Amino acid sequence: MSNLKIIEELCGICGDLAKIVAEQQKLLAQHDALALAEDIERVQARYVALIGHDEWPDSLPGDEA
């Protein structure tokens, strides 16, 4: 497998993980429970800085406009 293909797969995995975390955040918010909110924001900022906001998965809390 080429390095580019590995990077593409890793990006896909990161996107899927971001969606999972967002859904878990929504479920926790229904019970007024926040977990690792600062860590999630920090990682989102790193992801966006590297890849761009347009690549961040849809329907994350706070992204509704």
PDB file of N, CA and C in Angstrom:
ATOM      1  N   MET A   1       0.845  -1.166   0.000  1.00  0.00           N
ATOM      2  CA  MET A   1       0.000   0.000   0.000  1.00  0.00           C
ATOM      3  C   MET A   1       0.900   1.241   0.000  1.00  0.00           C
ATOM      4  N   SER A   2       0.568   2.191  -0.821  1.00  0.00           N
ATOM      5  CA  SER A   2       1.381   3.399  -0.931  1.00  0.00           C
ATOM      6  C   SER A   2       1.173   4.307   0.289  1.00  0.00           C
ATOM      7  N   ASN A   3       2.132   5.188   0.498  1.00  0.00           N
ATOM      8  CA  ASN A   3       2.025   6.135   1.606  1.00  0.00           C
ATOM      9  C   ASN A   3       0.799   7.021   1.463  1.00  0.00           C
ATOM     10  N   LEU A   4       0.491   7.435   0.243  1.00  0.00           N
ATOM     11  CA  LEU A   4      -0.680   8.281   0.016  1.00  0.00           C
ATOM     12  C   LEU A   4      -1.962   7.543   0.396  1.00  0.00           C
ATOM     13  N   LYS A   5      -2.049   6.281   0.017  1.00  0.00           N
ATOM     14  CA  LYS A   5      -3.234   5.485   0.348  1.00  0.00           C
ATOM     15  C   LYS A   5      -3.360   5.324   1.864  1.00  0.00           C
ATOM     16  N   ILE A   6      -2.253   5.134   2.547  1.00  0.00           N
ATOM     17  CA  ILE A   6      -2.277   5.020   4.006  1.00  0.00           C
ATOM     18  C   ILE A   6      -2.784   6.326   4.620  1.00  0.00           C
ATOM     19  N   ILE A   7      -2.284   7.445   4.134  1.00  0.00           N
ATOM     20  CA  ILE A   7      -2.716   8.755   4.640  1.00  0.00           C
ATOM     21  C   ILE A   7      -4.205   8.961   4.380  1.00  0.00           C
ATOM     22  N   GLU A   8      -4.684   8.593   3.202  1.00  0.00           N
ATOM     23  CA  GLU A   8      -6.101   8.721   2.889  1.00  0.00           C
ATOM     24  C   GLU A   8      -6.955   7.885   3.841  1.00  0.00           C
ATOM     25  N   GLU A   9      -6.509   6.664   4.106  1.00  0.00           N
ATOM     26  CA  GLU A   9      -7.234   5.792   5.027  1.00  0.00           C
ATOM     27  C   GLU A   9      -7.244   6.365   6.433  1.00  0.00           C
ATOM     28  N   LEU A  10      -6.107   6.883   6.878  1.00  0.00           N
ATOM     29  CA  LEU A  10      -6.030   7.482   8.210  1.00  0.00           C
ATOM     30  C   LEU A  10      -6.950   8.695   8.326  1.00  0.00           C
ATOM     31  N   CYS A  11      -7.034   9.491   7.265  1.00  0.00           N
ATOM     32  CA  CYS A  11      -7.941  10.644   7.260  1.00  0.00           C
ATOM     33  C   CYS A  11      -9.396  10.176   7.368  1.00  0.00           C
ATOM     34  N   GLY A  12      -9.719   9.123   6.672  1.00  0.00           N
ATOM     35  CA  GLY A  12     -11.070   8.565   6.757  1.00  0.00           C
ATOM     36  C   GLY A  12     -11.388   8.054   8.149  1.00  0.00           C
ATOM     37  N   ILE A  13     -10.414   7.403   8.760  1.00  0.00           N
ATOM     38  CA  ILE A  13     -10.591   6.909  10.127  1.00  0.00           C
ATOM     39  C   ILE A  13     -10.792   8.079  11.084  1.00  0.00           C
ATOM     40  N   CYS A  14      -9.994   9.126  10.943  1.00  0.00           N
ATOM     41  CA  CYS A  14     -10.133  10.308  11.803  1.00  0.00           C
ATOM     42  C   CYS A  14     -11.504  10.943  11.632  1.00  0.00           C
ATOM     43  N   GLY A  15     -11.985  11.025  10.404  1.00  0.00           N
ATOM     44  CA  GLY A  15     -13.315  11.577  10.155  1.00  0.00           C
ATOM     45  C   GLY A  15     -14.402  10.749  10.810  1.00  0.00           C
ATOM     46  N   ASP A  16     -14.280   9.434  10.708  1.00  0.00           N
ATOM     47  CA  ASP A  16     -15.262   8.546  11.337  1.00  0.00           C
ATOM     48  C   ASP A  16     -15.225   8.681  12.855  1.00  0.00           C
ATOM     49  N   LEU A  17     -14.037   8.762  13.418  1.00  0.00           N
ATOM     50  CA  LEU A  17     -13.906   8.932  14.864  1.00  0.00           C
ATOM     51  C   LEU A  17     -14.499  10.260  15.319  1.00  0.00           C
ATOM     52  N   ALA A  18     -14.319  11.304  14.522  1.00  0.00           N
ATOM     53  CA  ALA A  18     -14.896  12.607  14.858  1.00  0.00           C
ATOM     54  C   ALA A  18     -16.421  12.521  14.894  1.00  0.00           C
ATOM     55  N   LYS A  19     -17.007  11.808  13.962  1.00  0.00           N
ATOM     56  CA  LYS A  19     -18.461  11.635  13.949  1.00  0.00           C
ATOM     57  C   LYS A  19     -18.929  10.861  15.180  1.00  0.00           C
ATOM     58  N   ILE A  20     -18.197   9.828  15.559  1.00  0.00           N
ATOM     59  CA  ILE A  20     -18.546   9.033  16.740  1.00  0.00           C
ATOM     60  C   ILE A  20     -18.507   9.902  17.997  1.00  0.00           C
ATOM     61  N   VAL A  21     -17.443  10.680  18.141  1.00  0.00           N
ATOM     62  CA  VAL A  21     -17.312  11.551  19.304  1.00  0.00           C
ATOM     63  C   VAL A  21     -18.455  12.569  19.335  1.00  0.00           C
ATOM     64  N   ALA A  22     -18.806  13.113  18.181  1.00  0.00           N
ATOM     65  CA  ALA A  22     -19.893  14.099  18.121  1.00  0.00           C
ATOM     66  C   ALA A  22     -21.215  13.475  18.568  1.00  0.00           C
ATOM     67  N   GLU A  23     -21.478  12.266  18.130  1.00  0.00           N
ATOM     68  CA  GLU A  23     -22.717  11.595  18.536  1.00  0.00           C
ATOM     69  C   GLU A  23     -22.703  11.293  20.026  1.00  0.00           C
ATOM     70  N   GLN A  24     -21.564  10.887  20.553  1.00  0.00           N
ATOM     71  CA  GLN A  24     -21.461  10.644  21.987  1.00  0.00           C
ATOM     72  C   GLN A  24     -21.670  11.932  22.769  1.00  0.00           C
ATOM     73  N   GLN A  25     -21.138  13.057  22.260  1.00  0.00           N
ATOM     74  CA  GLN A  25     -21.349  14.357  22.897  1.00  0.00           C
ATOM     75  C   GLN A  25     -22.834  14.689  22.965  1.00  0.00           C
ATOM     76  N   LYS A  26     -23.547  14.455  21.868  1.00  0.00           N
ATOM     77  CA  LYS A  26     -24.987  14.743  21.840  1.00  0.00           C
ATOM     78  C   LYS A  26     -25.723  13.916  22.883  1.00  0.00           C
ATOM     79  N   LEU A  27     -25.384  12.640  22.982  1.00  0.00           N
ATOM     80  CA  LEU A  27     -26.049  11.771  23.952  1.00  0.00           C
ATOM     81  C   LEU A  27     -25.751  12.202  25.387  1.00  0.00           C
ATOM     82  N   LEU A  28     -24.517  12.563  25.652  1.00  0.00           N
ATOM     83  CA  LEU A  28     -24.158  13.032  26.991  1.00  0.00           C
ATOM     84  C   LEU A  28     -24.852  14.348  27.321  1.00  0.00           C
ATOM     85  N   ALA A  29     -24.977  15.221  26.335  1.00  0.00           N
ATOM     86  CA  ALA A  29     -25.616  16.519  26.550  1.00  0.00           C
ATOM     87  C   ALA A  29     -27.082  16.355  26.953  1.00  0.00           C
ATOM     88  N   GLN A  30     -27.732  15.301  26.482  1.00  0.00           N
ATOM     89  CA  GLN A  30     -29.127  15.046  26.856  1.00  0.00           C
ATOM     90  C   GLN A  30     -29.260  14.796  28.353  1.00  0.00           C
ATOM     91  N   HIS A  31     -28.174  14.379  28.988  1.00  0.00           N
ATOM     92  CA  HIS A  31     -28.168  14.102  30.426  1.00  0.00           C
ATOM     93  C   HIS A  31     -27.367  15.160  31.187  1.00  0.00           C
ATOM     94  N   ASP A  32     -27.152  16.303  30.551  1.00  0.00           N
ATOM     95  CA  ASP A  32     -26.364  17.385  31.142  1.00  0.00           C
ATOM     96  C   ASP A  32     -24.994  16.905  31.617  1.00  0.00           C
ATOM     97  N   ALA A  33     -24.415  16.011  30.874  1.00  0.00           N
ATOM     98  CA  ALA A  33     -23.096  15.479  31.229  1.00  0.00           C
ATOM     99  C   ALA A  33     -22.114  15.809  30.118  1.00  0.00           C
ATOM    100  N   LEU A  34     -21.051  16.481  30.464  1.00  0.00           N
ATOM    101  CA  LEU A  34     -20.003  16.793  29.505  1.00  0.00           C
ATOM    102  C   LEU A  34     -18.767  15.987  29.875  1.00  0.00           C
ATOM    103  N   ALA A  35     -18.101  15.483  28.879  1.00  0.00           N
ATOM    104  CA  ALA A  35     -16.879  14.722  29.118  1.00  0.00           C
ATOM    105  C   ALA A  35     -15.816  15.163  28.129  1.00  0.00           C
ATOM    106  N   LEU A  36     -14.691  15.568  28.652  1.00  0.00           N
ATOM    107  CA  LEU A  36     -13.523  15.900  27.839  1.00  0.00           C
ATOM    108  C   LEU A  36     -13.807  17.001  26.817  1.00  0.00           C
ATOM    109  N   ALA A  37     -14.694  17.920  27.146  1.00  0.00           N
ATOM    110  CA  ALA A  37     -15.064  18.972  26.197  1.00  0.00           C
ATOM    111  C   ALA A  37     -13.854  19.784  25.747  1.00  0.00           C
ATOM    112  N   GLU A  38     -12.977  20.131  26.679  1.00  0.00           N
ATOM    113  CA  GLU A  38     -11.788  20.909  26.321  1.00  0.00           C
ATOM    114  C   GLU A  38     -10.864  20.110  25.399  1.00  0.00           C
ATOM    115  N   ASP A  39     -10.729  18.828  25.672  1.00  0.00           N
ATOM    116  CA  ASP A  39      -9.893  17.983  24.817  1.00  0.00           C
ATOM    117  C   ASP A  39     -10.482  17.867  23.414  1.00  0.00           C
ATOM    118  N   ILE A  40     -11.786  17.715  23.340  1.00  0.00           N
ATOM    119  CA  ILE A  40     -12.449  17.607  22.039  1.00  0.00           C
ATOM    120  C   ILE A  40     -12.258  18.894  21.246  1.00  0.00           C
ATOM    121  N   GLU A  41     -12.425  20.043  21.904  1.00  0.00           N
ATOM    122  CA  GLU A  41     -12.231  21.332  21.221  1.00  0.00           C
ATOM    123  C   GLU A  41     -10.790  21.489  20.742  1.00  0.00           C
ATOM    124  N   ARG A  42      -9.828  21.071  21.566  1.00  0.00           N
ATOM    125  CA  ARG A  42      -8.414  21.181  21.201  1.00  0.00           C
ATOM    126  C   ARG A  42      -8.097  20.315  19.976  1.00  0.00           C
ATOM    127  N   VAL A  43      -8.609  19.096  19.974  1.00  0.00           N
ATOM    128  CA  VAL A  43      -8.351  18.200  18.845  1.00  0.00           C
ATOM    129  C   VAL A  43      -9.063  18.688  17.592  1.00  0.00           C
ATOM    130  N   GLN A  44     -10.288  19.210  17.748  1.00  0.00           N
ATOM    131  CA  GLN A  44     -11.003  19.757  16.589  1.00  0.00           C
ATOM    132  C   GLN A  44     -10.201  20.907  15.988  1.00  0.00           C
ATOM    133  N   ALA A  45      -9.651  21.769  16.838  1.00  0.00           N
ATOM    134  CA  ALA A  45      -8.856  22.896  16.346  1.00  0.00           C
ATOM    135  C   ALA A  45      -7.625  22.396  15.576  1.00  0.00           C
ATOM    136  N   ARG A  46      -6.974  21.360  16.064  1.00  0.00           N
ATOM    137  CA  ARG A  46      -5.810  20.790  15.363  1.00  0.00           C
ATOM    138  C   ARG A  46      -6.225  20.214  14.017  1.00  0.00           C
ATOM    139  N   TYR A  47      -7.338  19.489  13.997  1.00  0.00           N
ATOM    140  CA  TYR A  47      -7.854  18.859  12.774  1.00  0.00           C
ATOM    141  C   TYR A  47      -8.164  19.934  11.732  1.00  0.00           C
ATOM    142  N   VAL A  48      -8.890  20.976  12.168  1.00  0.00           N
ATOM    143  CA  VAL A  48      -9.279  22.058  11.259  1.00  0.00           C
ATOM    144  C   VAL A  48      -8.045  22.805  10.755  1.00  0.00           C
ATOM    145  N   ALA A  49      -7.070  23.052  11.641  1.00  0.00           N
ATOM    146  CA  ALA A  49      -5.848  23.750  11.231  1.00  0.00           C
ATOM    147  C   ALA A  49      -5.084  22.960  10.177  1.00  0.00           C
ATOM    148  N   LEU A  50      -5.100  21.648  10.297  1.00  0.00           N
ATOM    149  CA  LEU A  50      -4.357  20.804   9.360  1.00  0.00           C
ATOM    150  C   LEU A  50      -5.105  20.588   8.048  1.00  0.00           C
ATOM    151  N   ILE A  51      -6.396  20.283   8.149  1.00  0.00           N
ATOM    152  CA  ILE A  51      -7.142  19.848   6.969  1.00  0.00           C
ATOM    153  C   ILE A  51      -8.086  20.923   6.449  1.00  0.00           C
ATOM    154  N   GLY A  52      -8.602  21.764   7.332  1.00  0.00           N
ATOM    155  CA  GLY A  52      -9.542  22.806   6.928  1.00  0.00           C
ATOM    156  C   GLY A  52     -10.932  22.530   7.452  1.00  0.00           C
ATOM    157  N   HIS A  53     -11.667  23.606   7.732  1.00  0.00           N
ATOM    158  CA  HIS A  53     -12.999  23.488   8.318  1.00  0.00           C
ATOM    159  C   HIS A  53     -13.965  22.748   7.402  1.00  0.00           C
ATOM    160  N   ASP A  54     -13.810  22.908   6.099  1.00  0.00           N
ATOM    161  CA  ASP A  54     -14.723  22.250   5.162  1.00  0.00           C
ATOM    162  C   ASP A  54     -14.610  20.731   5.208  1.00  0.00           C
ATOM    163  N   GLU A  55     -13.525  20.221   5.752  1.00  0.00           N
ATOM    164  CA  GLU A  55     -13.334  18.775   5.826  1.00  0.00           C
ATOM    165  C   GLU A  55     -13.823  18.188   7.147  1.00  0.00           C
ATOM    166  N   TRP A  56     -14.139  19.044   8.144  1.00  0.00           N
ATOM    167  CA  TRP A  56     -14.633  18.550   9.427  1.00  0.00           C
ATOM    168  C   TRP A  56     -16.006  17.936   9.201  1.00  0.00           C
ATOM    169  N   PRO A  57     -16.267  16.764   9.745  1.00  0.00           N
ATOM    170  CA  PRO A  57     -17.558  16.087   9.516  1.00  0.00           C
ATOM    171  C   PRO A  57     -18.748  16.956   9.871  1.00  0.00           C
ATOM    172  N   ASP A  58     -19.833  16.778   9.139  1.00  0.00           N
ATOM    173  CA  ASP A  58     -21.050  17.559   9.346  1.00  0.00           C
ATOM    174  C   ASP A  58     -21.723  17.211  10.665  1.00  0.00           C
ATOM    175  N   SER A  59     -22.631  18.095  11.038  1.00  0.00           N
ATOM    176  CA  SER A  59     -23.511  17.944  12.190  1.00  0.00           C
ATOM    177  C   SER A  59     -22.790  17.695  13.508  1.00  0.00           C
ATOM    178  N   LEU A  60     -21.792  18.539  13.746  1.00  0.00           N
ATOM    179  CA  LEU A  60     -21.137  18.519  15.045  1.00  0.00           C
ATOM    180  C   LEU A  60     -21.761  19.590  15.910  1.00  0.00           C
ATOM    181  N   PRO A  61     -21.835  19.365  17.212  1.00  0.00           N
ATOM    182  CA  PRO A  61     -22.402  20.384  18.084  1.00  0.00           C
ATOM    183  C   PRO A  61     -21.683  21.715  17.907  1.00  0.00           C
ATOM    184  N   GLY A  62     -22.424  22.788  17.815  1.00  0.00           N
ATOM    185  CA  GLY A  62     -21.850  24.110  17.652  1.00  0.00           C
ATOM    186  C   GLY A  62     -21.633  24.520  16.207  1.00  0.00           C
ATOM    187  N   ASP A  63     -21.746  23.587  15.272  1.00  0.00           N
ATOM    188  CA  ASP A  63     -21.539  23.908  13.868  1.00  0.00           C
ATOM    189  C   ASP A  63     -22.837  24.280  13.154  1.00  0.00           C
ATOM    190  N   GLU A  64     -23.990  24.110  13.841  1.00  0.00           N
ATOM    191  CA  GLU A  64     -25.245  24.456  13.188  1.00  0.00           C
ATOM    192  C   GLU A  64     -25.319  25.963  12.997  1.00  0.00           C
ATOM    193  N   ALA A  65     -25.735  26.371  11.820  1.00  0.00           N
ATOM    194  CA  ALA A  65     -25.808  27.816  11.542  1.00  0.00           C
ATOM    195  C   ALA A  65     -27.187  28.204  11.088  1.00  0.00           C
TER     196      ALA A  65
END
